[in-house]
Amino acid sequence: MDLSNYKIKKTKITNERQMWIGKFLDRINAERRHPYKPITPARMGMILSPMNLSQIKAFYGECNDARHFSKYFWWKVK
């Protein structure tokens, strides 16, 4: 099986929830270092799945106001 022509298709952002998940991904993945792999959009979607859109917006504001975005994010999620 030849996988040299295989390419991953990027998905387009189709709704506002995906846009907010992308904002979380950008901030969290920017602070992750070597032993940790970047978080995928699907994983972030599962982490934020119990929240509705207004809760996600408020949570982003809380994380943004905190001293360390990712530390606050993981503390609050756990």
PDB file of N, CA and C in Angstrom:
ATOM      1  N   MET A   1       0.847  -1.177   0.000  1.00  0.00           N
ATOM      2  CA  MET A   1       0.000   0.000   0.000  1.00  0.00           C
ATOM      3  C   MET A   1       0.893   1.241   0.000  1.00  0.00           C
ATOM      4  N   ASP A   2       0.714   2.093  -0.958  1.00  0.00           N
ATOM      5  CA  ASP A   2       1.524   3.293  -1.099  1.00  0.00           C
ATOM      6  C   ASP A   2       0.814   4.481  -0.454  1.00  0.00           C
ATOM      7  N   LEU A   3       1.431   5.039   0.577  1.00  0.00           N
ATOM      8  CA  LEU A   3       0.835   6.164   1.285  1.00  0.00           C
ATOM      9  C   LEU A   3       1.489   7.495   0.937  1.00  0.00           C
ATOM     10  N   SER A   4       2.332   7.513  -0.067  1.00  0.00           N
ATOM     11  CA  SER A   4       3.043   8.738  -0.405  1.00  0.00           C
ATOM     12  C   SER A   4       2.107   9.824  -0.942  1.00  0.00           C
ATOM     13  N   ASN A   5       0.984   9.431  -1.523  1.00  0.00           N
ATOM     14  CA  ASN A   5       0.040  10.408  -2.065  1.00  0.00           C
ATOM     15  C   ASN A   5      -1.073  10.771  -1.086  1.00  0.00           C
ATOM     16  N   TYR A   6      -1.038  10.182   0.082  1.00  0.00           N
ATOM     17  CA  TYR A   6      -2.079  10.431   1.071  1.00  0.00           C
ATOM     18  C   TYR A   6      -1.881  11.797   1.720  1.00  0.00           C
ATOM     19  N   LYS A   7      -2.917  12.589   1.746  1.00  0.00           N
ATOM     20  CA  LYS A   7      -2.856  13.906   2.361  1.00  0.00           C
ATOM     21  C   LYS A   7      -4.048  14.074   3.286  1.00  0.00           C
ATOM     22  N   ILE A   8      -3.816  14.741   4.391  1.00  0.00           N
ATOM     23  CA  ILE A   8      -4.891  15.023   5.324  1.00  0.00           C
ATOM     24  C   ILE A   8      -5.620  16.272   4.852  1.00  0.00           C
ATOM     25  N   LYS A   9      -6.920  16.177   4.750  1.00  0.00           N
ATOM     26  CA  LYS A   9      -7.712  17.321   4.335  1.00  0.00           C
ATOM     27  C   LYS A   9      -8.006  18.183   5.548  1.00  0.00           C
ATOM     28  N   LYS A  10      -7.798  19.475   5.409  1.00  0.00           N
ATOM     29  CA  LYS A  10      -8.151  20.403   6.469  1.00  0.00           C
ATOM     30  C   LYS A  10      -9.643  20.671   6.397  1.00  0.00           C
ATOM     31  N   THR A  11     -10.270  20.661   7.562  1.00  0.00           N
ATOM     32  CA  THR A  11     -11.693  20.964   7.579  1.00  0.00           C
ATOM     33  C   THR A  11     -11.890  22.466   7.705  1.00  0.00           C
ATOM     34  N   LYS A  12     -12.921  22.939   7.092  1.00  0.00           N
ATOM     35  CA  LYS A  12     -13.241  24.355   7.163  1.00  0.00           C
ATOM     36  C   LYS A  12     -14.089  24.611   8.398  1.00  0.00           C
ATOM     37  N   ILE A  13     -13.915  25.778   8.964  1.00  0.00           N
ATOM     38  CA  ILE A  13     -14.729  26.165  10.104  1.00  0.00           C
ATOM     39  C   ILE A  13     -16.108  26.536   9.570  1.00  0.00           C
ATOM     40  N   THR A  14     -17.116  25.804  10.037  1.00  0.00           N
ATOM     41  CA  THR A  14     -18.457  26.013   9.502  1.00  0.00           C
ATOM     42  C   THR A  14     -19.408  26.657  10.497  1.00  0.00           C
ATOM     43  N   ASN A  15     -19.022  26.710  11.774  1.00  0.00           N
ATOM     44  CA  ASN A  15     -19.912  27.343  12.740  1.00  0.00           C
ATOM     45  C   ASN A  15     -19.107  28.048  13.828  1.00  0.00           C
ATOM     46  N   GLU A  16     -19.809  28.763  14.666  1.00  0.00           N
ATOM     47  CA  GLU A  16     -19.147  29.580  15.684  1.00  0.00           C
ATOM     48  C   GLU A  16     -18.483  28.727  16.756  1.00  0.00           C
ATOM     49  N   ARG A  17     -19.039  27.569  17.068  1.00  0.00           N
ATOM     50  CA  ARG A  17     -18.446  26.681  18.070  1.00  0.00           C
ATOM     51  C   ARG A  17     -17.049  26.226  17.629  1.00  0.00           C
ATOM     52  N   GLN A  18     -16.908  25.869  16.372  1.00  0.00           N
ATOM     53  CA  GLN A  18     -15.607  25.462  15.846  1.00  0.00           C
ATOM     54  C   GLN A  18     -14.597  26.600  15.920  1.00  0.00           C
ATOM     55  N   MET A  19     -15.056  27.819  15.714  1.00  0.00           N
ATOM     56  CA  MET A  19     -14.173  28.976  15.805  1.00  0.00           C
ATOM     57  C   MET A  19     -13.625  29.108  17.234  1.00  0.00           C
ATOM     58  N   TRP A  20     -14.487  28.955  18.237  1.00  0.00           N
ATOM     59  CA  TRP A  20     -14.053  29.073  19.627  1.00  0.00           C
ATOM     60  C   TRP A  20     -13.150  27.915  20.036  1.00  0.00           C
ATOM     61  N   ILE A  21     -13.432  26.717  19.539  1.00  0.00           N
ATOM     62  CA  ILE A  21     -12.548  25.579  19.807  1.00  0.00           C
ATOM     63  C   ILE A  21     -11.176  25.846  19.195  1.00  0.00           C
ATOM     64  N   GLY A  22     -11.150  26.457  18.021  1.00  0.00           N
ATOM     65  CA  GLY A  22      -9.879  26.823  17.380  1.00  0.00           C
ATOM     66  C   GLY A  22      -9.090  27.824  18.208  1.00  0.00           C
ATOM     67  N   LYS A  23      -9.787  28.775  18.838  1.00  0.00           N
ATOM     68  CA  LYS A  23      -9.099  29.736  19.700  1.00  0.00           C
ATOM     69  C   LYS A  23      -8.445  29.044  20.883  1.00  0.00           C
ATOM     70  N   PHE A  24      -9.160  28.102  21.498  1.00  0.00           N
ATOM     71  CA  PHE A  24      -8.585  27.329  22.606  1.00  0.00           C
ATOM     72  C   PHE A  24      -7.378  26.533  22.124  1.00  0.00           C
ATOM     73  N   LEU A  25      -7.514  25.903  20.967  1.00  0.00           N
ATOM     74  CA  LEU A  25      -6.406  25.106  20.422  1.00  0.00           C
ATOM     75  C   LEU A  25      -5.163  25.950  20.188  1.00  0.00           C
ATOM     76  N   ASP A  26      -5.338  27.118  19.621  1.00  0.00           N
ATOM     77  CA  ASP A  26      -4.192  27.985  19.344  1.00  0.00           C
ATOM     78  C   ASP A  26      -3.451  28.336  20.630  1.00  0.00           C
ATOM     79  N   ARG A  27      -4.177  28.693  21.663  1.00  0.00           N
ATOM     80  CA  ARG A  27      -3.553  29.102  22.925  1.00  0.00           C
ATOM     81  C   ARG A  27      -2.910  27.915  23.651  1.00  0.00           C
ATOM     82  N   ILE A  28      -3.639  26.793  23.734  1.00  0.00           N
ATOM     83  CA  ILE A  28      -3.138  25.628  24.473  1.00  0.00           C
ATOM     84  C   ILE A  28      -1.930  25.022  23.757  1.00  0.00           C
ATOM     85  N   ASN A  29      -2.029  24.810  22.454  1.00  0.00           N
ATOM     86  CA  ASN A  29      -0.938  24.174  21.716  1.00  0.00           C
ATOM     87  C   ASN A  29       0.306  25.057  21.639  1.00  0.00           C
ATOM     88  N   ALA A  30       0.146  26.368  21.726  1.00  0.00           N
ATOM     89  CA  ALA A  30       1.306  27.258  21.698  1.00  0.00           C
ATOM     90  C   ALA A  30       2.156  27.083  22.960  1.00  0.00           C
ATOM     91  N   GLU A  31       1.533  26.691  24.059  1.00  0.00           N
ATOM     92  CA  GLU A  31       2.257  26.544  25.324  1.00  0.00           C
ATOM     93  C   GLU A  31       2.724  25.116  25.594  1.00  0.00           C
ATOM     94  N   ARG A  32       2.331  24.164  24.774  1.00  0.00           N
ATOM     95  CA  ARG A  32       2.733  22.771  25.010  1.00  0.00           C
ATOM     96  C   ARG A  32       4.181  22.571  24.551  1.00  0.00           C
ATOM     97  N   ARG A  33       4.923  21.798  25.297  1.00  0.00           N
ATOM     98  CA  ARG A  33       6.336  21.561  24.996  1.00  0.00           C
ATOM     99  C   ARG A  33       6.579  20.112  24.572  1.00  0.00           C
ATOM    100  N   HIS A  34       7.818  19.744  24.418  1.00  0.00           N
ATOM    101  CA  HIS A  34       8.283  18.494  23.833  1.00  0.00           C
ATOM    102  C   HIS A  34       7.552  17.218  24.277  1.00  0.00           C
ATOM    103  N   PRO A  35       7.454  16.885  25.541  1.00  0.00           N
ATOM    104  CA  PRO A  35       6.885  15.559  25.821  1.00  0.00           C
ATOM    105  C   PRO A  35       5.404  15.455  25.475  1.00  0.00           C
ATOM    106  N   TYR A  36       4.734  16.565  25.275  1.00  0.00           N
ATOM    107  CA  TYR A  36       3.304  16.548  24.985  1.00  0.00           C
ATOM    108  C   TYR A  36       3.044  16.840  23.515  1.00  0.00           C
ATOM    109  N   LYS A  37       2.199  16.026  22.912  1.00  0.00           N
ATOM    110  CA  LYS A  37       1.810  16.255  21.523  1.00  0.00           C
ATOM    111  C   LYS A  37       0.743  17.335  21.475  1.00  0.00           C
ATOM    112  N   PRO A  38       0.610  18.018  20.345  1.00  0.00           N
ATOM    113  CA  PRO A  38      -0.462  19.017  20.222  1.00  0.00           C
ATOM    114  C   PRO A  38      -1.833  18.348  20.341  1.00  0.00           C
ATOM    115  N   ILE A  39      -2.758  19.059  20.912  1.00  0.00           N
ATOM    116  CA  ILE A  39      -4.116  18.548  21.045  1.00  0.00           C
ATOM    117  C   ILE A  39      -4.828  18.709  19.704  1.00  0.00           C
ATOM    118  N   THR A  40      -5.582  17.711  19.328  1.00  0.00           N
ATOM    119  CA  THR A  40      -6.314  17.755  18.067  1.00  0.00           C
ATOM    120  C   THR A  40      -7.652  18.469  18.261  1.00  0.00           C
ATOM    121  N   PRO A  41      -8.228  18.971  17.184  1.00  0.00           N
ATOM    122  CA  PRO A  41      -9.533  19.614  17.309  1.00  0.00           C
ATOM    123  C   PRO A  41     -10.615  18.677  17.847  1.00  0.00           C
ATOM    124  N   ALA A  42     -10.553  17.403  17.461  1.00  0.00           N
ATOM    125  CA  ALA A  42     -11.547  16.444  17.953  1.00  0.00           C
ATOM    126  C   ALA A  42     -11.440  16.262  19.465  1.00  0.00           C
ATOM    127  N   ARG A  43     -10.218  16.188  19.967  1.00  0.00           N
ATOM    128  CA  ARG A  43     -10.017  16.034  21.408  1.00  0.00           C
ATOM    129  C   ARG A  43     -10.504  17.271  22.155  1.00  0.00           C
ATOM    130  N   MET A  44     -10.197  18.440  21.649  1.00  0.00           N
ATOM    131  CA  MET A  44     -10.656  19.662  22.300  1.00  0.00           C
ATOM    132  C   MET A  44     -12.178  19.739  22.269  1.00  0.00           C
ATOM    133  N   GLY A  45     -12.779  19.284  21.191  1.00  0.00           N
ATOM    134  CA  GLY A  45     -14.231  19.244  21.110  1.00  0.00           C
ATOM    135  C   GLY A  45     -14.831  18.335  22.166  1.00  0.00           C
ATOM    136  N   MET A  46     -14.167  17.212  22.442  1.00  0.00           N
ATOM    137  CA  MET A  46     -14.649  16.301  23.483  1.00  0.00           C
ATOM    138  C   MET A  46     -14.474  16.909  24.872  1.00  0.00           C
ATOM    139  N   ILE A  47     -13.387  17.623  25.083  1.00  0.00           N
ATOM    140  CA  ILE A  47     -13.149  18.256  26.379  1.00  0.00           C
ATOM    141  C   ILE A  47     -14.216  19.316  26.651  1.00  0.00           C
ATOM    142  N   LEU A  48     -14.568  20.070  25.627  1.00  0.00           N
ATOM    143  CA  LEU A  48     -15.530  21.159  25.777  1.00  0.00           C
ATOM    144  C   LEU A  48     -16.971  20.733  25.486  1.00  0.00           C
ATOM    145  N   SER A  49     -17.209  19.450  25.228  1.00  0.00           N
ATOM    146  CA  SER A  49     -18.547  18.997  24.841  1.00  0.00           C
ATOM    147  C   SER A  49     -19.636  19.231  25.893  1.00  0.00           C
ATOM    148  N   PRO A  50     -19.345  19.187  27.208  1.00  0.00           N
ATOM    149  CA  PRO A  50     -20.439  19.446  28.159  1.00  0.00           C
ATOM    150  C   PRO A  50     -20.912  20.898  28.174  1.00  0.00           C
ATOM    151  N   MET A  51     -20.155  21.805  27.584  1.00  0.00           N
ATOM    152  CA  MET A  51     -20.491  23.229  27.627  1.00  0.00           C
ATOM    153  C   MET A  51     -21.236  23.652  26.368  1.00  0.00           C
ATOM    154  N   ASN A  52     -22.181  24.574  26.546  1.00  0.00           N
ATOM    155  CA  ASN A  52     -22.807  25.163  25.364  1.00  0.00           C
ATOM    156  C   ASN A  52     -21.979  26.373  24.936  1.00  0.00           C
ATOM    157  N   LEU A  53     -22.364  27.006  23.853  1.00  0.00           N
ATOM    158  CA  LEU A  53     -21.548  28.069  23.259  1.00  0.00           C
ATOM    159  C   LEU A  53     -21.339  29.252  24.199  1.00  0.00           C
ATOM    160  N   SER A  54     -22.373  29.662  24.906  1.00  0.00           N
ATOM    161  CA  SER A  54     -22.221  30.810  25.814  1.00  0.00           C
ATOM    162  C   SER A  54     -21.286  30.471  26.971  1.00  0.00           C
ATOM    163  N   GLN A  55     -21.311  29.228  27.438  1.00  0.00           N
ATOM    164  CA  GLN A  55     -20.387  28.805  28.500  1.00  0.00           C
ATOM    165  C   GLN A  55     -18.950  28.753  27.988  1.00  0.00           C
ATOM    166  N   ILE A  56     -18.772  28.337  26.751  1.00  0.00           N
ATOM    167  CA  ILE A  56     -17.431  28.286  26.157  1.00  0.00           C
ATOM    168  C   ILE A  56     -16.856  29.697  26.052  1.00  0.00           C
ATOM    169  N   LYS A  57     -17.681  30.651  25.621  1.00  0.00           N
ATOM    170  CA  LYS A  57     -17.222  32.042  25.511  1.00  0.00           C
ATOM    171  C   LYS A  57     -16.816  32.585  26.881  1.00  0.00           C
ATOM    172  N   ALA A  58     -17.631  32.325  27.895  1.00  0.00           N
ATOM    173  CA  ALA A  58     -17.324  32.798  29.242  1.00  0.00           C
ATOM    174  C   ALA A  58     -16.063  32.126  29.783  1.00  0.00           C
ATOM    175  N   PHE A  59     -15.922  30.837  29.513  1.00  0.00           N
ATOM    176  CA  PHE A  59     -14.750  30.093  29.975  1.00  0.00           C
ATOM    177  C   PHE A  59     -13.483  30.615  29.308  1.00  0.00           C
ATOM    178  N   TYR A  60     -13.569  30.959  28.024  1.00  0.00           N
ATOM    179  CA  TYR A  60     -12.411  31.531  27.330  1.00  0.00           C
ATOM    180  C   TYR A  60     -12.012  32.856  27.967  1.00  0.00           C
ATOM    181  N   GLY A  61     -12.987  33.652  28.331  1.00  0.00           N
ATOM    182  CA  GLY A  61     -12.699  34.919  28.999  1.00  0.00           C
ATOM    183  C   GLY A  61     -12.021  34.708  30.344  1.00  0.00           C
ATOM    184  N   GLU A  62     -12.489  33.705  31.110  1.00  0.00           N
ATOM    185  CA  GLU A  62     -11.852  33.386  32.395  1.00  0.00           C
ATOM    186  C   GLU A  62     -10.402  32.970  32.186  1.00  0.00           C
ATOM    187  N   CYS A  63     -10.186  32.079  31.224  1.00  0.00           N
ATOM    188  CA  CYS A  63      -8.826  31.597  30.948  1.00  0.00           C
ATOM    189  C   CYS A  63      -7.938  32.739  30.470  1.00  0.00           C
ATOM    190  N   ASN A  64      -8.484  33.609  29.676  1.00  0.00           N
ATOM    191  CA  ASN A  64      -7.732  34.736  29.136  1.00  0.00           C
ATOM    192  C   ASN A  64      -7.339  35.717  30.241  1.00  0.00           C
ATOM    193  N   ASP A  65      -8.195  35.897  31.240  1.00  0.00           N
ATOM    194  CA  ASP A  65      -7.914  36.806  32.344  1.00  0.00           C
ATOM    195  C   ASP A  65      -6.948  36.206  33.365  1.00  0.00           C
ATOM    196  N   ALA A  66      -6.792  34.886  33.347  1.00  0.00           N
ATOM    197  CA  ALA A  66      -5.903  34.218  34.308  1.00  0.00           C
ATOM    198  C   ALA A  66      -4.443  34.515  33.979  1.00  0.00           C
ATOM    199  N   ARG A  67      -3.592  34.317  34.957  1.00  0.00           N
ATOM    200  CA  ARG A  67      -2.163  34.573  34.760  1.00  0.00           C
ATOM    201  C   ARG A  67      -1.561  33.627  33.721  1.00  0.00           C
ATOM    202  N   HIS A  68      -1.900  32.343  33.804  1.00  0.00           N
ATOM    203  CA  HIS A  68      -1.421  31.336  32.844  1.00  0.00           C
ATOM    204  C   HIS A  68      -2.631  30.660  32.215  1.00  0.00           C
ATOM    205  N   PHE A  69      -2.807  30.890  30.930  1.00  0.00           N
ATOM    206  CA  PHE A  69      -3.992  30.390  30.219  1.00  0.00           C
ATOM    207  C   PHE A  69      -4.135  28.881  30.354  1.00  0.00           C
ATOM    208  N   SER A  70      -3.094  28.131  29.967  1.00  0.00           N
ATOM    209  CA  SER A  70      -3.219  26.674  29.932  1.00  0.00           C
ATOM    210  C   SER A  70      -3.323  26.058  31.328  1.00  0.00           C
ATOM    211  N   LYS A  71      -2.606  26.609  32.305  1.00  0.00           N
ATOM    212  CA  LYS A  71      -2.701  26.071  33.666  1.00  0.00           C
ATOM    213  C   LYS A  71      -4.112  26.238  34.205  1.00  0.00           C
ATOM    214  N   TYR A  72      -4.689  27.404  33.972  1.00  0.00           N
ATOM    215  CA  TYR A  72      -6.054  27.646  34.436  1.00  0.00           C
ATOM    216  C   TYR A  72      -7.037  26.749  33.694  1.00  0.00           C
ATOM    217  N   PHE A  73      -6.819  26.592  32.392  1.00  0.00           N
ATOM    218  CA  PHE A  73      -7.695  25.745  31.582  1.00  0.00           C
ATOM    219  C   PHE A  73      -7.732  24.325  32.135  1.00  0.00           C
ATOM    220  N   TRP A  74      -6.561  23.717  32.335  1.00  0.00           N
ATOM    221  CA  TRP A  74      -6.519  22.331  32.797  1.00  0.00           C
ATOM    222  C   TRP A  74      -7.009  22.197  34.232  1.00  0.00           C
ATOM    223  N   TRP A  75      -6.750  23.173  35.072  1.00  0.00           N
ATOM    224  CA  TRP A  75      -7.243  23.139  36.447  1.00  0.00           C
ATOM    225  C   TRP A  75      -8.768  23.174  36.462  1.00  0.00           C
ATOM    226  N   LYS A  76      -9.344  24.030  35.653  1.00  0.00           N
ATOM    227  CA  LYS A  76     -10.791  24.196  35.625  1.00  0.00           C
ATOM    228  C   LYS A  76     -11.474  22.993  34.973  1.00  0.00           C
ATOM    229  N   VAL A  77     -10.865  22.423  33.948  1.00  0.00           N
ATOM    230  CA  VAL A  77     -11.454  21.276  33.258  1.00  0.00           C
ATOM    231  C   VAL A  77     -11.459  20.043  34.159  1.00  0.00           C
ATOM    232  N   LYS A  78     -10.389  19.859  34.908  1.00  0.00           N
ATOM    233  CA  LYS A  78     -10.319  18.693  35.786  1.00  0.00           C
ATOM    234  C   LYS A  78     -11.263  18.876  36.928  1.00  0.00           C
TER     235      LYS A  78
END
